[in-house]
């Protein structure tokens, strides 16, 4: 009886730890999708590659939009223009002002029951639920006030330390950027992060031309999540 009780206790402990990790952990520990096209790589100026597992069964329209823009090189050189400590890091605006987007139509919302955990990727939008376009944010700390209000389309699987290192500000004085984005079925070679960071620093100080940015067509209203 004591052995059976001990086994039951250990099993409950293991399951409890696993549940806690899934709820409050820093990365997505679920079984990976075998389709590498549903893996997104963001190479950041903070010094490394962030690997993201996309959720095509949860938000198919939004995942397809992210994949389309990544393939086009839309996100290459785009700034993190709104980064709030303990909340989120927002990017995806080629103008770097919070007022830009792609020239593609806005998306119909695909809200789900998934929570906004640390490392979650969710689409930014304006007041309308159906105004998401290209901007998205990465959650720095769990924020369940955002649940069922913004479309979750993925979660960081590795490299969250590079997200944590993104410069804070609204906008940051010296914003970090997505050096390049690519998909798992056609990954781009990782860049020379040190050289890219040096060039970005010089650009922020006005010493060199800025890094190339994405398509500047058709600016839209600023899609910015509000921490209310």
C-alpha atoms as a PDB file:
ATOM      1  CA  UNK A   1       0.000   0.000   0.000  1.00  0.00           C
ATOM      2  CA  UNK A   2       2.850   2.393   0.832  1.00  0.00           C
ATOM      3  CA  UNK A   3       4.505   1.688  -2.557  1.00  0.00           C
ATOM      4  CA  UNK A   4       1.210   2.304  -4.379  1.00  0.00           C
ATOM      5  CA  UNK A   5       0.659   5.531  -2.452  1.00  0.00           C
ATOM      6  CA  UNK A   6       4.190   6.716  -3.197  1.00  0.00           C
ATOM      7  CA  UNK A   7       3.724   5.966  -6.916  1.00  0.00           C
ATOM      8  CA  UNK A   8       0.447   7.889  -6.982  1.00  0.00           C
ATOM      9  CA  UNK A   9       2.098  10.845  -5.246  1.00  0.00           C
ATOM     10  CA  UNK A  10       5.010  10.934  -7.676  1.00  0.00           C
ATOM     11  CA  UNK A  11       2.681  10.662 -10.677  1.00  0.00           C
ATOM     12  CA  UNK A  12       0.586  13.551  -9.401  1.00  0.00           C
ATOM     13  CA  UNK A  13       3.731  15.605  -8.823  1.00  0.00           C
ATOM     14  CA  UNK A  14       5.009  14.997 -12.361  1.00  0.00           C
ATOM     15  CA  UNK A  15       1.646  15.866 -13.896  1.00  0.00           C
ATOM     16  CA  UNK A  16       1.435  18.991 -11.758  1.00  0.00           C
ATOM     17  CA  UNK A  17       4.866  20.187 -12.836  1.00  0.00           C
ATOM     18  CA  UNK A  18       4.025  19.554 -16.499  1.00  0.00           C
ATOM     19  CA  UNK A  19       0.763  21.474 -16.200  1.00  0.00           C
ATOM     20  CA  UNK A  20       2.533  24.395 -14.537  1.00  0.00           C
ATOM     21  CA  UNK A  21       5.174  24.472 -17.246  1.00  0.00           C
ATOM     22  CA  UNK A  22       2.543  24.587 -19.978  1.00  0.00           C
ATOM     23  CA  UNK A  23       0.650  27.392 -18.195  1.00  0.00           C
ATOM     24  CA  UNK A  24       3.485  29.611 -16.978  1.00  0.00           C
ATOM     25  CA  UNK A  25       6.587  28.456 -18.824  1.00  0.00           C
ATOM     26  CA  UNK A  26       8.687  30.426 -21.223  1.00  0.00           C
ATOM     27  CA  UNK A  27       8.326  28.269 -24.322  1.00  0.00           C
ATOM     28  CA  UNK A  28       5.935  25.977 -26.140  1.00  0.00           C
ATOM     29  CA  UNK A  29       6.706  22.421 -25.013  1.00  0.00           C
ATOM     30  CA  UNK A  30       3.947  20.706 -27.000  1.00  0.00           C
ATOM     31  CA  UNK A  31       4.716  18.081 -29.637  1.00  0.00           C
ATOM     32  CA  UNK A  32       6.105  19.958 -32.662  1.00  0.00           C
ATOM     33  CA  UNK A  33       4.248  20.081 -35.967  1.00  0.00           C
ATOM     34  CA  UNK A  34       6.094  17.826 -38.464  1.00  0.00           C
ATOM     35  CA  UNK A  35       5.372  20.376 -41.222  1.00  0.00           C
ATOM     36  CA  UNK A  36       8.416  22.685 -41.163  1.00  0.00           C
ATOM     37  CA  UNK A  37       6.453  25.352 -43.023  1.00  0.00           C
ATOM     38  CA  UNK A  38       4.708  25.919 -39.684  1.00  0.00           C
ATOM     39  CA  UNK A  39       7.981  26.907 -38.024  1.00  0.00           C
ATOM     40  CA  UNK A  40       8.865  30.604 -38.126  1.00  0.00           C
ATOM     41  CA  UNK A  41      12.398  31.887 -37.529  1.00  0.00           C
ATOM     42  CA  UNK A  42      13.007  35.473 -36.425  1.00  0.00           C
ATOM     43  CA  UNK A  43      16.668  36.503 -36.392  1.00  0.00           C
ATOM     44  CA  UNK A  44      16.839  39.467 -34.025  1.00  0.00           C
ATOM     45  CA  UNK A  45      19.350  42.274 -33.635  1.00  0.00           C
ATOM     46  CA  UNK A  46      19.571  41.289 -29.960  1.00  0.00           C
ATOM     47  CA  UNK A  47      21.897  38.488 -31.024  1.00  0.00           C
ATOM     48  CA  UNK A  48      20.137  35.280 -31.985  1.00  0.00           C
ATOM     49  CA  UNK A  49      17.409  33.249 -33.637  1.00  0.00           C
ATOM     50  CA  UNK A  50      13.935  32.898 -32.159  1.00  0.00           C
ATOM     51  CA  UNK A  51      12.126  29.710 -33.215  1.00  0.00           C
ATOM     52  CA  UNK A  52       8.337  29.923 -33.222  1.00  0.00           C
ATOM     53  CA  UNK A  53       5.791  27.166 -33.584  1.00  0.00           C
ATOM     54  CA  UNK A  54       2.840  28.417 -35.628  1.00  0.00           C
ATOM     55  CA  UNK A  55      -0.744  27.258 -34.962  1.00  0.00           C
ATOM     56  CA  UNK A  56      -2.430  26.704 -38.353  1.00  0.00           C
ATOM     57  CA  UNK A  57      -5.309  24.729 -36.851  1.00  0.00           C
ATOM     58  CA  UNK A  58      -6.074  27.536 -34.371  1.00  0.00           C
ATOM     59  CA  UNK A  59      -5.722  30.575 -36.644  1.00  0.00           C
ATOM     60  CA  UNK A  60      -5.317  29.402 -40.257  1.00  0.00           C
ATOM     61  CA  UNK A  61      -5.888  32.797 -41.841  1.00  0.00           C
ATOM     62  CA  UNK A  62      -3.428  34.602 -39.592  1.00  0.00           C
ATOM     63  CA  UNK A  63      -0.782  31.898 -39.921  1.00  0.00           C
ATOM     64  CA  UNK A  64      -1.073  32.035 -43.702  1.00  0.00           C
ATOM     65  CA  UNK A  65      -0.683  35.830 -43.578  1.00  0.00           C
ATOM     66  CA  UNK A  66       2.465  35.605 -41.443  1.00  0.00           C
ATOM     67  CA  UNK A  67       3.905  32.935 -43.743  1.00  0.00           C
ATOM     68  CA  UNK A  68       3.091  34.941 -46.869  1.00  0.00           C
ATOM     69  CA  UNK A  69       4.760  38.084 -45.522  1.00  0.00           C
ATOM     70  CA  UNK A  70       7.770  36.158 -44.217  1.00  0.00           C
ATOM     71  CA  UNK A  71       8.295  34.591 -47.648  1.00  0.00           C
ATOM     72  CA  UNK A  72       8.112  38.052 -49.228  1.00  0.00           C
ATOM     73  CA  UNK A  73      10.798  39.394 -46.891  1.00  0.00           C
ATOM     74  CA  UNK A  74       8.266  41.891 -45.511  1.00  0.00           C
ATOM     75  CA  UNK A  75       9.513  41.596 -41.931  1.00  0.00           C
ATOM     76  CA  UNK A  76      13.220  41.897 -42.754  1.00  0.00           C
ATOM     77  CA  UNK A  77      14.591  45.017 -41.063  1.00  0.00           C
ATOM     78  CA  UNK A  78      11.309  45.905 -39.328  1.00  0.00           C
ATOM     79  CA  UNK A  79      11.595  47.543 -35.898  1.00  0.00           C
ATOM     80  CA  UNK A  80      10.114  46.615 -32.542  1.00  0.00           C
ATOM     81  CA  UNK A  81       8.371  49.957 -32.172  1.00  0.00           C
ATOM     82  CA  UNK A  82       6.419  49.367 -28.941  1.00  0.00           C
ATOM     83  CA  UNK A  83       7.981  47.352 -26.137  1.00  0.00           C
ATOM     84  CA  UNK A  84       6.531  47.488 -22.618  1.00  0.00           C
ATOM     85  CA  UNK A  85       8.346  45.903 -19.666  1.00  0.00           C
ATOM     86  CA  UNK A  86       6.376  42.993 -18.202  1.00  0.00           C
ATOM     87  CA  UNK A  87       3.842  43.129 -21.042  1.00  0.00           C
ATOM     88  CA  UNK A  88       4.829  42.630 -24.696  1.00  0.00           C
ATOM     89  CA  UNK A  89       7.105  43.512 -27.634  1.00  0.00           C
ATOM     90  CA  UNK A  90       5.272  44.710 -30.760  1.00  0.00           C
ATOM     91  CA  UNK A  91       6.564  44.748 -34.341  1.00  0.00           C
ATOM     92  CA  UNK A  92       5.409  44.215 -37.923  1.00  0.00           C
ATOM     93  CA  UNK A  93       5.011  47.849 -39.001  1.00  0.00           C
ATOM     94  CA  UNK A  94       7.387  48.663 -41.875  1.00  0.00           C
ATOM     95  CA  UNK A  95       7.145  52.388 -41.092  1.00  0.00           C
ATOM     96  CA  UNK A  96       8.265  51.812 -37.502  1.00  0.00           C
ATOM     97  CA  UNK A  97       5.608  54.233 -36.263  1.00  0.00           C
ATOM     98  CA  UNK A  98       2.741  51.947 -35.285  1.00  0.00           C
ATOM     99  CA  UNK A  99       0.579  53.254 -38.141  1.00  0.00           C
ATOM    100  CA  UNK A 100       1.723  50.960 -40.971  1.00  0.00           C
ATOM    101  CA  UNK A 101       0.888  47.578 -42.353  1.00  0.00           C
ATOM    102  CA  UNK A 102       1.020  45.477 -45.496  1.00  0.00           C
ATOM    103  CA  UNK A 103      -0.953  46.142 -48.665  1.00  0.00           C
ATOM    104  CA  UNK A 104      -2.955  42.959 -48.085  1.00  0.00           C
ATOM    105  CA  UNK A 105      -6.554  43.089 -46.803  1.00  0.00           C
ATOM    106  CA  UNK A 106      -7.188  43.155 -43.065  1.00  0.00           C
ATOM    107  CA  UNK A 107      -7.950  39.803 -41.468  1.00  0.00           C
ATOM    108  CA  UNK A 108     -11.120  38.444 -39.919  1.00  0.00           C
ATOM    109  CA  UNK A 109     -10.506  37.653 -36.248  1.00  0.00           C
ATOM    110  CA  UNK A 110      -9.799  34.055 -35.225  1.00  0.00           C
ATOM    111  CA  UNK A 111     -10.098  34.297 -31.455  1.00  0.00           C
ATOM    112  CA  UNK A 112      -9.587  31.076 -29.509  1.00  0.00           C
ATOM    113  CA  UNK A 113      -9.535  29.780 -25.955  1.00  0.00           C
ATOM    114  CA  UNK A 114      -5.732  29.721 -25.868  1.00  0.00           C
ATOM    115  CA  UNK A 115      -4.283  31.954 -23.134  1.00  0.00           C
ATOM    116  CA  UNK A 116      -1.713  34.698 -23.629  1.00  0.00           C
ATOM    117  CA  UNK A 117       1.229  32.982 -21.931  1.00  0.00           C
ATOM    118  CA  UNK A 118       4.839  34.109 -21.907  1.00  0.00           C
ATOM    119  CA  UNK A 119       6.190  33.631 -25.428  1.00  0.00           C
ATOM    120  CA  UNK A 120       2.766  33.743 -27.120  1.00  0.00           C
ATOM    121  CA  UNK A 121       2.568  35.480 -30.503  1.00  0.00           C
ATOM    122  CA  UNK A 122      -0.659  37.362 -31.092  1.00  0.00           C
ATOM    123  CA  UNK A 123      -1.848  39.767 -33.783  1.00  0.00           C
ATOM    124  CA  UNK A 124      -2.131  43.455 -32.968  1.00  0.00           C
ATOM    125  CA  UNK A 125      -5.175  45.313 -34.243  1.00  0.00           C
ATOM    126  CA  UNK A 126      -7.052  48.599 -34.104  1.00  0.00           C
ATOM    127  CA  UNK A 127     -10.412  49.016 -32.376  1.00  0.00           C
ATOM    128  CA  UNK A 128     -12.190  46.753 -34.839  1.00  0.00           C
ATOM    129  CA  UNK A 129     -11.862  43.034 -34.137  1.00  0.00           C
ATOM    130  CA  UNK A 130     -11.272  42.490 -37.851  1.00  0.00           C
ATOM    131  CA  UNK A 131      -8.453  45.009 -38.355  1.00  0.00           C
ATOM    132  CA  UNK A 132      -5.335  42.840 -37.858  1.00  0.00           C
ATOM    133  CA  UNK A 133      -2.983  43.036 -40.832  1.00  0.00           C
ATOM    134  CA  UNK A 134       0.763  42.559 -40.345  1.00  0.00           C
ATOM    135  CA  UNK A 135       1.633  43.809 -36.870  1.00  0.00           C
ATOM    136  CA  UNK A 136       2.019  41.309 -34.042  1.00  0.00           C
ATOM    137  CA  UNK A 137       3.350  41.143 -30.513  1.00  0.00           C
ATOM    138  CA  UNK A 138       5.257  38.657 -28.386  1.00  0.00           C
ATOM    139  CA  UNK A 139       4.047  38.340 -24.792  1.00  0.00           C
ATOM    140  CA  UNK A 140       6.790  38.884 -22.189  1.00  0.00           C
ATOM    141  CA  UNK A 141       4.703  37.854 -19.174  1.00  0.00           C
ATOM    142  CA  UNK A 142       1.305  36.087 -18.980  1.00  0.00           C
ATOM    143  CA  UNK A 143      -1.548  38.521 -19.564  1.00  0.00           C
ATOM    144  CA  UNK A 144      -4.953  36.876 -19.543  1.00  0.00           C
ATOM    145  CA  UNK A 145      -6.766  40.205 -20.061  1.00  0.00           C
ATOM    146  CA  UNK A 146      -5.876  39.824 -23.730  1.00  0.00           C
ATOM    147  CA  UNK A 147      -7.523  36.408 -24.065  1.00  0.00           C
ATOM    148  CA  UNK A 148     -10.315  36.136 -26.637  1.00  0.00           C
ATOM    149  CA  UNK A 149      -9.611  39.725 -27.746  1.00  0.00           C
ATOM    150  CA  UNK A 150      -6.547  39.175 -29.943  1.00  0.00           C
ATOM    151  CA  UNK A 151      -5.801  36.301 -32.310  1.00  0.00           C
ATOM    152  CA  UNK A 152      -3.066  33.950 -31.062  1.00  0.00           C
ATOM    153  CA  UNK A 153      -1.178  32.318 -33.924  1.00  0.00           C
ATOM    154  CA  UNK A 154       1.940  30.796 -32.354  1.00  0.00           C
ATOM    155  CA  UNK A 155       4.365  30.569 -29.457  1.00  0.00           C
ATOM    156  CA  UNK A 156       8.116  30.778 -28.974  1.00  0.00           C
ATOM    157  CA  UNK A 157       9.764  27.340 -28.835  1.00  0.00           C
ATOM    158  CA  UNK A 158      13.343  28.558 -28.292  1.00  0.00           C
ATOM    159  CA  UNK A 159      15.306  31.793 -28.182  1.00  0.00           C
ATOM    160  CA  UNK A 160      13.067  33.662 -25.733  1.00  0.00           C
ATOM    161  CA  UNK A 161      16.198  35.221 -24.233  1.00  0.00           C
ATOM    162  CA  UNK A 162      16.600  37.233 -27.442  1.00  0.00           C
ATOM    163  CA  UNK A 163      13.034  38.511 -27.083  1.00  0.00           C
ATOM    164  CA  UNK A 164      13.703  39.473 -23.455  1.00  0.00           C
ATOM    165  CA  UNK A 165      16.694  41.557 -24.621  1.00  0.00           C
ATOM    166  CA  UNK A 166      14.654  43.777 -26.991  1.00  0.00           C
ATOM    167  CA  UNK A 167      15.021  47.476 -26.118  1.00  0.00           C
ATOM    168  CA  UNK A 168      12.042  48.905 -24.214  1.00  0.00           C
ATOM    169  CA  UNK A 169      10.120  52.035 -25.091  1.00  0.00           C
ATOM    170  CA  UNK A 170       7.087  53.489 -26.898  1.00  0.00           C
ATOM    171  CA  UNK A 171       9.054  53.837 -29.142  1.00  0.00           C
ATOM    172  CA  UNK A 172      12.479  52.742 -27.894  1.00  0.00           C
ATOM    173  CA  UNK A 173      15.256  55.311 -28.256  1.00  0.00           C
ATOM    174  CA  UNK A 174      17.378  52.723 -30.054  1.00  0.00           C
ATOM    175  CA  UNK A 175      14.923  50.120 -31.353  1.00  0.00           C
ATOM    176  CA  UNK A 176      15.895  46.546 -32.082  1.00  0.00           C
ATOM    177  CA  UNK A 177      14.778  44.954 -35.337  1.00  0.00           C
ATOM    178  CA  UNK A 178      13.915  41.680 -36.990  1.00  0.00           C
ATOM    179  CA  UNK A 179      17.042  41.252 -39.105  1.00  0.00           C
ATOM    180  CA  UNK A 180      15.246  38.626 -41.164  1.00  0.00           C
ATOM    181  CA  UNK A 181      12.324  36.214 -40.990  1.00  0.00           C
ATOM    182  CA  UNK A 182      12.079  32.818 -42.666  1.00  0.00           C
ATOM    183  CA  UNK A 183      10.175  29.549 -42.469  1.00  0.00           C
ATOM    184  CA  UNK A 184      11.413  26.130 -41.447  1.00  0.00           C
ATOM    185  CA  UNK A 185      10.976  24.674 -44.922  1.00  0.00           C
ATOM    186  CA  UNK A 186      13.179  27.430 -46.442  1.00  0.00           C
ATOM    187  CA  UNK A 187      15.355  28.765 -43.617  1.00  0.00           C
ATOM    188  CA  UNK A 188      17.698  31.655 -44.279  1.00  0.00           C
ATOM    189  CA  UNK A 189      21.273  31.290 -42.997  1.00  0.00           C
ATOM    190  CA  UNK A 190      21.711  33.097 -39.709  1.00  0.00           C
ATOM    191  CA  UNK A 191      23.313  36.526 -40.119  1.00  0.00           C
ATOM    192  CA  UNK A 192      26.435  37.963 -38.493  1.00  0.00           C
ATOM    193  CA  UNK A 193      24.609  39.290 -35.449  1.00  0.00           C
ATOM    194  CA  UNK A 194      27.511  41.363 -34.137  1.00  0.00           C
ATOM    195  CA  UNK A 195      28.007  43.133 -37.456  1.00  0.00           C
ATOM    196  CA  UNK A 196      24.271  43.702 -37.845  1.00  0.00           C
ATOM    197  CA  UNK A 197      24.015  45.140 -34.337  1.00  0.00           C
ATOM    198  CA  UNK A 198      26.941  47.482 -34.981  1.00  0.00           C
ATOM    199  CA  UNK A 199      25.328  48.728 -38.189  1.00  0.00           C
ATOM    200  CA  UNK A 200      21.971  49.168 -36.462  1.00  0.00           C
ATOM    201  CA  UNK A 201      23.562  51.156 -33.637  1.00  0.00           C
ATOM    202  CA  UNK A 202      25.281  53.409 -36.158  1.00  0.00           C
ATOM    203  CA  UNK A 203      22.006  53.838 -38.061  1.00  0.00           C
ATOM    204  CA  UNK A 204      20.136  54.768 -34.867  1.00  0.00           C
ATOM    205  CA  UNK A 205      22.795  57.407 -34.241  1.00  0.00           C
ATOM    206  CA  UNK A 206      22.438  58.746 -37.780  1.00  0.00           C
ATOM    207  CA  UNK A 207      25.905  57.663 -38.874  1.00  0.00           C
ATOM    208  CA  UNK A 208      24.777  55.323 -41.658  1.00  0.00           C
ATOM    209  CA  UNK A 209      21.638  54.682 -43.715  1.00  0.00           C
ATOM    210  CA  UNK A 210      19.045  52.637 -41.788  1.00  0.00           C
ATOM    211  CA  UNK A 211      18.609  48.929 -42.299  1.00  0.00           C
ATOM    212  CA  UNK A 212      16.275  48.084 -45.201  1.00  0.00           C
ATOM    213  CA  UNK A 213      12.634  47.823 -44.214  1.00  0.00           C
ATOM    214  CA  UNK A 214       9.599  46.138 -45.714  1.00  0.00           C
ATOM    215  CA  UNK A 215       6.808  47.291 -47.998  1.00  0.00           C
ATOM    216  CA  UNK A 216       5.599  50.807 -47.118  1.00  0.00           C
ATOM    217  CA  UNK A 217       2.308  50.549 -49.026  1.00  0.00           C
ATOM    218  CA  UNK A 218      -1.142  51.292 -47.636  1.00  0.00           C
ATOM    219  CA  UNK A 219      -0.652  52.416 -44.017  1.00  0.00           C
ATOM    220  CA  UNK A 220      -3.475  51.410 -41.690  1.00  0.00           C
ATOM    221  CA  UNK A 221      -4.681  52.556 -38.287  1.00  0.00           C
ATOM    222  CA  UNK A 222      -2.248  51.643 -35.478  1.00  0.00           C
ATOM    223  CA  UNK A 223      -3.075  48.121 -34.221  1.00  0.00           C
ATOM    224  CA  UNK A 224      -1.839  48.232 -30.622  1.00  0.00           C
ATOM    225  CA  UNK A 225      -2.917  45.936 -27.772  1.00  0.00           C
ATOM    226  CA  UNK A 226      -3.956  47.844 -24.681  1.00  0.00           C
ATOM    227  CA  UNK A 227      -3.162  46.617 -21.173  1.00  0.00           C
ATOM    228  CA  UNK A 228      -6.405  47.501 -19.471  1.00  0.00           C
END
